[in-house]
Protein backbone atom coordinates (compact mmCIF):
# COMPACT_ATOMS: atom_id res chain seq x y z
CA UNK A 1 0.00 0.02 0.12
CA UNK A 2 2.89 2.33 0.89
CA UNK A 3 4.15 2.03 -2.59
CA UNK A 4 1.05 2.50 -4.26
CA UNK A 5 0.19 5.94 -2.71
CA UNK A 6 4.01 6.92 -3.10
CA UNK A 7 3.88 6.36 -6.89
CA UNK A 8 0.29 8.19 -7.35
CA UNK A 9 1.97 10.99 -5.61
CA UNK A 10 4.65 10.96 -7.58
CA UNK A 11 3.19 10.72 -10.76
CA UNK A 12 0.53 13.46 -9.96
CA UNK A 13 3.30 16.01 -9.09
CA UNK A 14 4.22 15.90 -12.79
CA UNK A 15 1.64 18.53 -13.34
CA UNK A 16 2.17 20.48 -10.01
CA UNK A 17 2.19 24.00 -10.07
CA UNK A 18 4.16 26.00 -7.40
CA UNK A 19 2.01 27.71 -4.71
CA UNK A 20 1.93 31.50 -4.89
CA UNK A 21 4.23 33.71 -3.14
CA UNK A 22 3.31 35.15 0.24
CA UNK A 23 3.74 38.70 -1.19
CA UNK A 24 1.32 38.10 -3.83
CA UNK A 25 -1.25 36.02 -1.28
CA UNK A 26 -0.85 39.31 0.89
CA UNK A 27 -2.11 41.97 -1.93
CA UNK A 28 -4.93 39.70 -2.50
CA UNK A 29 -4.28 38.58 -6.18
CA UNK A 30 -4.84 35.07 -5.38
CA UNK A 31 -7.06 35.30 -2.41
CA UNK A 32 -10.67 36.37 -2.56
CA UNK A 33 -11.46 38.37 0.48
CA UNK A 34 -14.99 37.31 0.71
CA UNK A 35 -15.93 35.23 3.68
CA UNK A 36 -15.25 31.43 3.46
CA UNK A 37 -13.80 31.24 -0.05
CA UNK A 38 -10.36 30.66 -1.26
CA UNK A 39 -9.08 30.53 -4.74
CA UNK A 40 -5.77 29.16 -5.97
CA UNK A 41 -4.04 28.12 -8.85
CA UNK A 42 -4.70 24.87 -9.80
CA UNK A 43 -3.12 21.85 -8.21
CA UNK A 44 -3.52 18.86 -9.52
CA UNK A 45 -2.22 16.59 -6.64
CA UNK A 46 -5.21 15.09 -4.39
CA UNK A 47 -3.01 14.57 -1.52
CA UNK A 48 -2.56 18.44 -1.48
CA UNK A 49 -6.00 19.05 -1.94
CA UNK A 50 -6.66 16.73 0.98
CA UNK A 51 -4.35 18.58 2.88
CA UNK A 52 -6.29 22.07 2.24
CA UNK A 53 -9.66 20.63 2.49
CA UNK A 54 -8.59 19.91 6.33
CA UNK A 55 -8.25 23.58 7.16
CA UNK A 56 -10.73 25.40 9.30
CA UNK A 57 -12.13 28.28 7.42
CA UNK A 58 -13.92 31.25 8.99
CA UNK A 59 -14.09 34.94 8.65
CA UNK A 60 -11.18 35.83 11.23
CA UNK A 61 -7.47 37.28 10.37
CA UNK A 62 -5.99 34.49 12.69
CA UNK A 63 -7.29 31.75 10.51
CA UNK A 64 -5.72 33.69 7.60
CA UNK A 65 -2.37 33.57 9.12
CA UNK A 66 -2.77 30.04 10.27
CA UNK A 67 -3.50 29.19 6.43
CA UNK A 68 -0.58 30.90 5.25
CA UNK A 69 1.55 29.23 7.75
CA UNK A 70 0.43 25.93 6.82
CA UNK A 71 0.84 26.61 3.08
CA UNK A 72 4.32 27.84 3.99
CA UNK A 73 5.13 24.39 5.50
CA UNK A 74 3.51 22.79 2.68
CA UNK A 75 5.48 24.49 -0.23
CA UNK A 76 8.91 22.69 0.62
CA UNK A 77 7.42 19.40 0.37
CA UNK A 78 5.41 20.21 -2.99
CA UNK A 79 8.94 21.41 -4.40
CA UNK A 80 10.69 18.37 -3.34
CA UNK A 81 8.15 16.08 -5.00
CA UNK A 82 8.37 18.44 -8.39
CA UNK A 83 12.36 17.92 -8.32
CA UNK A 84 11.69 13.93 -7.80
CA UNK A 85 9.01 13.72 -10.73
CA UNK A 86 11.35 15.95 -13.04
CA UNK A 87 14.09 13.40 -12.20
CA UNK A 88 12.07 10.34 -12.93
CA UNK A 89 10.68 11.89 -16.32
CA UNK A 90 14.32 13.01 -17.51
CA UNK A 91 15.35 9.32 -16.62
CA UNK A 92 12.43 7.92 -18.45
CA UNK A 93 12.90 9.74 -21.51
CA UNK A 94 16.72 8.48 -22.09
CA UNK A 95 17.07 5.73 -24.26
CA UNK A 96 16.12 2.38 -23.10
CA UNK A 97 19.38 0.50 -24.21
CA UNK A 98 21.68 2.93 -22.08
CA UNK A 99 19.23 2.60 -18.96
CA UNK A 100 19.16 -0.89 -19.43
CA UNK A 101 22.98 -0.94 -19.69
CA UNK A 102 23.65 1.21 -16.41
CA UNK A 103 21.44 -1.42 -14.47
CA UNK A 104 22.60 -4.93 -15.77
CA UNK A 105 25.39 -6.59 -13.79
CA UNK A 106 27.33 -9.42 -15.74
CA UNK A 107 28.22 -12.34 -14.13
CA UNK A 108 31.33 -14.24 -14.70
CA UNK A 109 30.72 -16.93 -17.51
CA UNK A 110 31.27 -20.22 -15.19
CA UNK A 111 33.29 -22.84 -17.48
CA UNK A 112 33.97 -26.47 -16.40
CA UNK A 113 37.69 -27.34 -15.47
CA UNK A 114 38.20 -28.80 -18.64
CA UNK A 115 37.07 -25.70 -20.65
CA UNK A 116 39.43 -23.77 -18.51
CA UNK A 117 42.14 -25.75 -19.30
CA UNK A 118 41.61 -25.47 -23.04
CA UNK A 119 41.10 -21.86 -22.96
CA UNK A 120 44.40 -21.23 -20.89
CA UNK A 121 46.19 -23.28 -23.49
CA UNK A 122 44.92 -21.14 -26.44
CA UNK A 123 45.53 -18.04 -24.91
CA UNK A 124 49.21 -18.89 -23.55
CA UNK A 125 50.22 -20.45 -27.26
CA UNK A 126 48.14 -17.99 -29.51
CA UNK A 127 51.23 -15.36 -29.59
CA UNK A 128 53.50 -18.03 -30.61
CA UNK A 129 51.78 -18.86 -33.82
CA UNK A 130 52.55 -16.89 -36.99
CA UNK A 131 50.79 -16.48 -40.28
CA UNK A 132 52.93 -16.75 -43.87
CA UNK A 133 52.27 -15.43 -46.62
CA UNK A 134 53.94 -16.80 -50.01
CA UNK A 135 54.52 -14.15 -52.37
CA UNK A 136 55.36 -14.67 -56.13
CA UNK A 137 56.48 -12.31 -58.86
CA UNK A 138 53.94 -11.91 -61.52
CA UNK A 139 54.10 -9.34 -64.89
CA UNK A 140 51.14 -7.31 -65.61
CA UNK A 141 50.09 -8.20 -69.12
CA UNK A 142 49.08 -4.71 -69.96
CA UNK A 143 51.47 -2.74 -68.27
CA UNK A 144 54.27 -5.05 -68.10
CA UNK A 145 55.21 -4.28 -64.64
CA UNK A 146 56.47 -6.65 -61.91
CA UNK A 147 54.15 -7.23 -59.16
CA UNK A 148 54.33 -9.29 -55.94
CA UNK A 149 51.07 -11.50 -55.38
CA UNK A 150 50.25 -13.72 -53.06
CA UNK A 151 50.36 -17.25 -54.22
CA UNK A 152 49.47 -19.21 -50.90
CA UNK A 153 49.68 -19.00 -47.06
CA UNK A 154 50.15 -21.21 -44.37
CA UNK A 155 51.03 -21.21 -40.67
CA UNK A 156 54.10 -21.52 -38.47
CA UNK A 157 55.55 -20.65 -34.86
CA UNK A 158 58.20 -19.06 -33.16
CA UNK A 159 61.09 -21.50 -32.16
CA UNK A 160 63.22 -19.00 -30.26
CA UNK A 161 64.16 -15.19 -29.43
CA UNK A 162 66.43 -15.01 -32.28
CA UNK A 163 63.43 -14.89 -34.82
CA UNK A 164 63.74 -18.35 -36.15
CA UNK A 165 60.11 -19.74 -37.44
CA UNK A 166 59.49 -23.40 -38.13
CA UNK A 167 56.89 -24.27 -40.93
CA UNK A 168 56.39 -26.88 -43.67
CA UNK A 169 58.63 -26.66 -46.79
CA UNK A 170 55.69 -26.64 -49.00
CA UNK A 171 54.34 -23.65 -47.69
CA UNK A 172 56.99 -21.49 -48.69
CA UNK A 173 58.13 -23.49 -51.93
CA UNK A 174 58.28 -21.09 -54.89
CA UNK A 175 58.28 -18.36 -53.11
CA UNK A 176 59.90 -14.86 -54.21
CA UNK A 177 59.34 -13.19 -50.80
CA UNK A 178 57.92 -14.20 -47.63
CA UNK A 179 56.13 -12.33 -45.04
CA UNK A 180 55.48 -13.40 -41.43
CA UNK A 181 52.55 -11.66 -39.47
CA UNK A 182 52.82 -12.30 -35.93
CA UNK A 183 50.02 -12.23 -33.36
CA UNK A 184 49.95 -8.95 -32.62
CA UNK A 185 49.47 -7.89 -36.59
CA UNK A 186 53.09 -6.49 -37.12
CA UNK A 187 54.46 -7.64 -40.18
CA UNK A 188 58.15 -8.58 -41.08
CA UNK A 189 60.04 -9.83 -44.22
CA UNK A 190 61.28 -13.65 -43.82
CA UNK A 191 64.42 -14.94 -45.05
CA UNK A 192 64.67 -18.70 -45.68
CA UNK A 193 67.56 -20.20 -43.36
CA UNK A 194 67.28 -23.70 -43.74
CA UNK A 195 64.89 -26.67 -44.96
CA UNK A 196 64.43 -30.66 -45.58
CA UNK A 197 62.37 -31.28 -48.53
CA UNK A 198 62.08 -34.80 -47.34
CA UNK A 199 60.97 -34.10 -44.03
CA UNK A 200 58.28 -31.29 -45.52
CA UNK A 201 60.37 -28.94 -42.97
CA UNK A 202 61.92 -25.50 -43.41
CA UNK A 203 62.98 -22.45 -41.06
CA UNK A 204 62.74 -19.04 -41.63
CA UNK A 205 64.06 -16.03 -39.62
CA UNK A 206 62.73 -12.46 -39.14
CA UNK A 207 64.20 -9.34 -37.67
CA UNK A 208 61.64 -8.73 -34.71
CA UNK A 209 62.16 -6.95 -31.37
CA UNK A 210 62.57 -10.06 -28.92
CA UNK A 211 59.84 -8.54 -26.59
CA UNK A 212 57.71 -9.66 -29.64
CA UNK A 213 58.70 -13.10 -30.16
CA UNK A 214 57.01 -15.77 -27.90
CA UNK A 215 58.94 -19.11 -28.54
CA UNK A 216 56.51 -22.25 -27.99
CA UNK A 217 57.23 -24.95 -25.34
CA UNK A 218 58.52 -27.92 -26.95
CA UNK A 219 57.93 -31.25 -25.89
CA UNK A 220 58.53 -34.69 -26.94
CA UNK A 221 56.82 -37.13 -29.49
CA UNK A 222 58.45 -40.54 -28.44
CA UNK A 223 55.88 -41.37 -25.68
CA UNK A 224 52.67 -40.38 -27.23
CA UNK A 225 49.49 -42.64 -26.84
CA UNK A 226 46.51 -42.95 -29.16
CA UNK A 227 43.74 -41.55 -27.34
CA UNK A 228 45.17 -38.58 -25.75
CA UNK A 229 44.00 -34.99 -26.27
CA UNK A 230 45.66 -32.79 -28.57
CA UNK A 231 45.02 -29.29 -30.23
CA UNK A 232 45.70 -27.55 -33.43
CA UNK A 233 46.41 -23.89 -33.79
CA UNK A 234 46.54 -22.35 -37.24
CA UNK A 235 45.06 -20.13 -39.71
CA UNK A 236 42.76 -22.42 -42.08
CA UNK A 237 41.34 -20.47 -45.26
CA UNK A 238 43.08 -17.35 -43.78
CA UNK A 239 41.27 -17.20 -40.57
CA UNK A 240 43.94 -16.33 -38.24
CA UNK A 241 44.44 -18.22 -34.72
CA UNK A 242 41.85 -20.90 -35.08
CA UNK A 243 41.88 -23.47 -32.64
CA UNK A 244 40.50 -27.03 -32.91
CA UNK A 245 40.61 -30.23 -30.65
CA UNK A 246 40.75 -33.89 -31.13
CA UNK A 247 42.88 -36.88 -29.87
CA UNK A 248 45.73 -38.92 -31.31
CA UNK A 249 43.87 -41.36 -33.62
CA UNK A 250 46.97 -43.35 -34.63
CA UNK A 251 50.81 -43.31 -34.67
CA UNK A 252 53.80 -44.22 -36.73
CA UNK A 253 51.89 -43.47 -39.99
CA UNK A 254 53.80 -43.15 -43.38
CA UNK A 255 52.97 -40.25 -45.58
CA UNK A 256 54.87 -38.84 -48.69
CA UNK A 257 56.36 -35.69 -48.68
CA UNK A 258 54.45 -32.70 -50.66
CA UNK A 259 57.45 -31.72 -52.22
CA UNK A 260 59.41 -34.81 -53.09
CA UNK A 261 57.04 -37.69 -52.76
CA UNK A 262 59.64 -39.38 -50.40
CA UNK A 263 57.86 -41.18 -47.44
CA UNK A 264 58.07 -39.50 -44.03
CA UNK A 265 57.96 -41.85 -41.26
CA UNK A 266 56.61 -41.96 -37.64
CA UNK A 267 53.83 -39.16 -38.38
CA UNK A 268 51.03 -38.73 -35.83
CA UNK A 269 47.18 -39.14 -37.05
CA UNK A 270 44.93 -37.14 -35.54
CA UNK A 271 41.17 -36.29 -36.11
CA UNK A 272 41.67 -32.77 -34.89
CA UNK A 273 39.86 -30.66 -37.75
CA UNK A 274 43.04 -29.83 -40.14
CA UNK A 275 42.31 -27.72 -43.44
CA UNK A 276 44.31 -25.73 -45.86
CA UNK A 277 46.27 -23.16 -44.15
CA UNK A 278 46.85 -25.24 -41.20
CA UNK A 279 50.09 -26.55 -42.68
CA UNK A 280 53.35 -25.84 -40.51
CA UNK A 281 50.85 -25.03 -37.63
CA UNK A 282 51.87 -26.58 -34.14
CA UNK A 283 50.12 -29.75 -32.74
CA UNK A 284 49.98 -29.21 -28.83
CA UNK A 285 49.20 -31.83 -26.27
CA UNK A 286 47.11 -31.27 -23.13
CA UNK A 287 49.77 -29.44 -21.06
CA UNK A 288 50.39 -26.86 -23.93
CA UNK A 289 53.77 -28.33 -25.62
CA UNK A 290 54.43 -28.69 -29.00
CA UNK A 291 54.19 -32.48 -30.31
CA UNK A 292 53.64 -32.03 -33.71
CA UNK A 293 53.75 -29.77 -37.31
CA UNK A 294 50.50 -30.13 -38.76
CA UNK A 295 51.24 -31.13 -42.35
CA UNK A 296 48.76 -32.88 -44.38
CA UNK A 297 45.33 -34.45 -44.59
CA UNK A 298 43.68 -37.36 -46.02
CA UNK A 299 40.37 -35.98 -47.87
CA UNK A 300 38.94 -36.58 -51.83
CA UNK A 301 37.58 -33.16 -50.96
CA UNK A 302 40.69 -31.08 -50.05
CA UNK A 303 38.66 -30.19 -46.49
CA UNK A 304 39.00 -32.14 -43.27
CA UNK A 305 37.73 -35.33 -43.06
CA UNK A 306 38.82 -35.95 -39.62
CA UNK A 307 42.17 -37.69 -40.60
CA UNK A 308 45.07 -35.48 -40.45
CA UNK A 309 48.54 -35.99 -40.15
CA UNK A 310 51.31 -34.05 -38.08
CA UNK A 311 55.08 -34.46 -38.64
CA UNK A 312 56.51 -35.43 -34.73
CA UNK A 313 58.64 -32.75 -33.03
CA UNK A 314 61.19 -35.16 -32.33
CA UNK A 315 62.13 -35.17 -36.07
CA UNK A 316 61.97 -31.35 -36.45
CA UNK A 317 64.20 -31.05 -32.97
CA UNK A 318 66.79 -33.47 -34.52
CA UNK A 319 66.98 -31.78 -37.88
CA UNK A 320 66.99 -28.32 -36.32
CA UNK A 321 70.02 -29.52 -34.06
């Protein structure tokens, strides 16, 4: 009941007029001197009318003074109600989106333990993954100008603070120039410092500040087990820093090198989605350490079919040393 009456009082004061000043009352502009009659400006507050209706009316001057005193006591209350009503009307006129945003309290998203581990793994290792653009020289048929155009792209990862980047050889094959884009979107020209076509491995180097280089944690691949979780981070179809998950679905597979056709042995098979653009990206275990380089997929259509292959990190480490 208290809430209802308070609301009606607040709304009624939206059309409230200020009571007349005492100076204008004294000169008779608002009061009719005739007995038992009082005339005021329209006041549309029912509660105010109830207050005034209780005032005794007679012809004596004392009652007039009493009336003036009571009106003076009511005036601050009316002004307070008017101020509150004005504030309420201004707030109600503001856009609904802003008013809602001011009062909506977002609660932290609750994630399961395994989800938190995956999110942490992605956040910690994403700065180590790079985007590699393969540029080729082309001559314009009309102007005969020589241009550099992208002829392919792939992924890679930072190996050390000296700016070495590891990727697949088929990612950089036939390039006239190479560009490496780090996680902060800064781009650097890269030079090839070594490669092994038979193993489909290549090492690039960029001249980047050491504080921008985040080497990826390197693990081992000799003790892997079928069924353990793995995570692939790369740039499939140019979509940078994409995470896919799966398990090791096979070990000691053999595939052919994309460059020479020679067999690569002890390859890791995984059902983590690997698509064009993932080549050269890291395959991580559940602790976030590198266990392989995503290299190829088995698919008649060219898209992920659930059978992907990664070169084991032990092969890369032995070759790099």
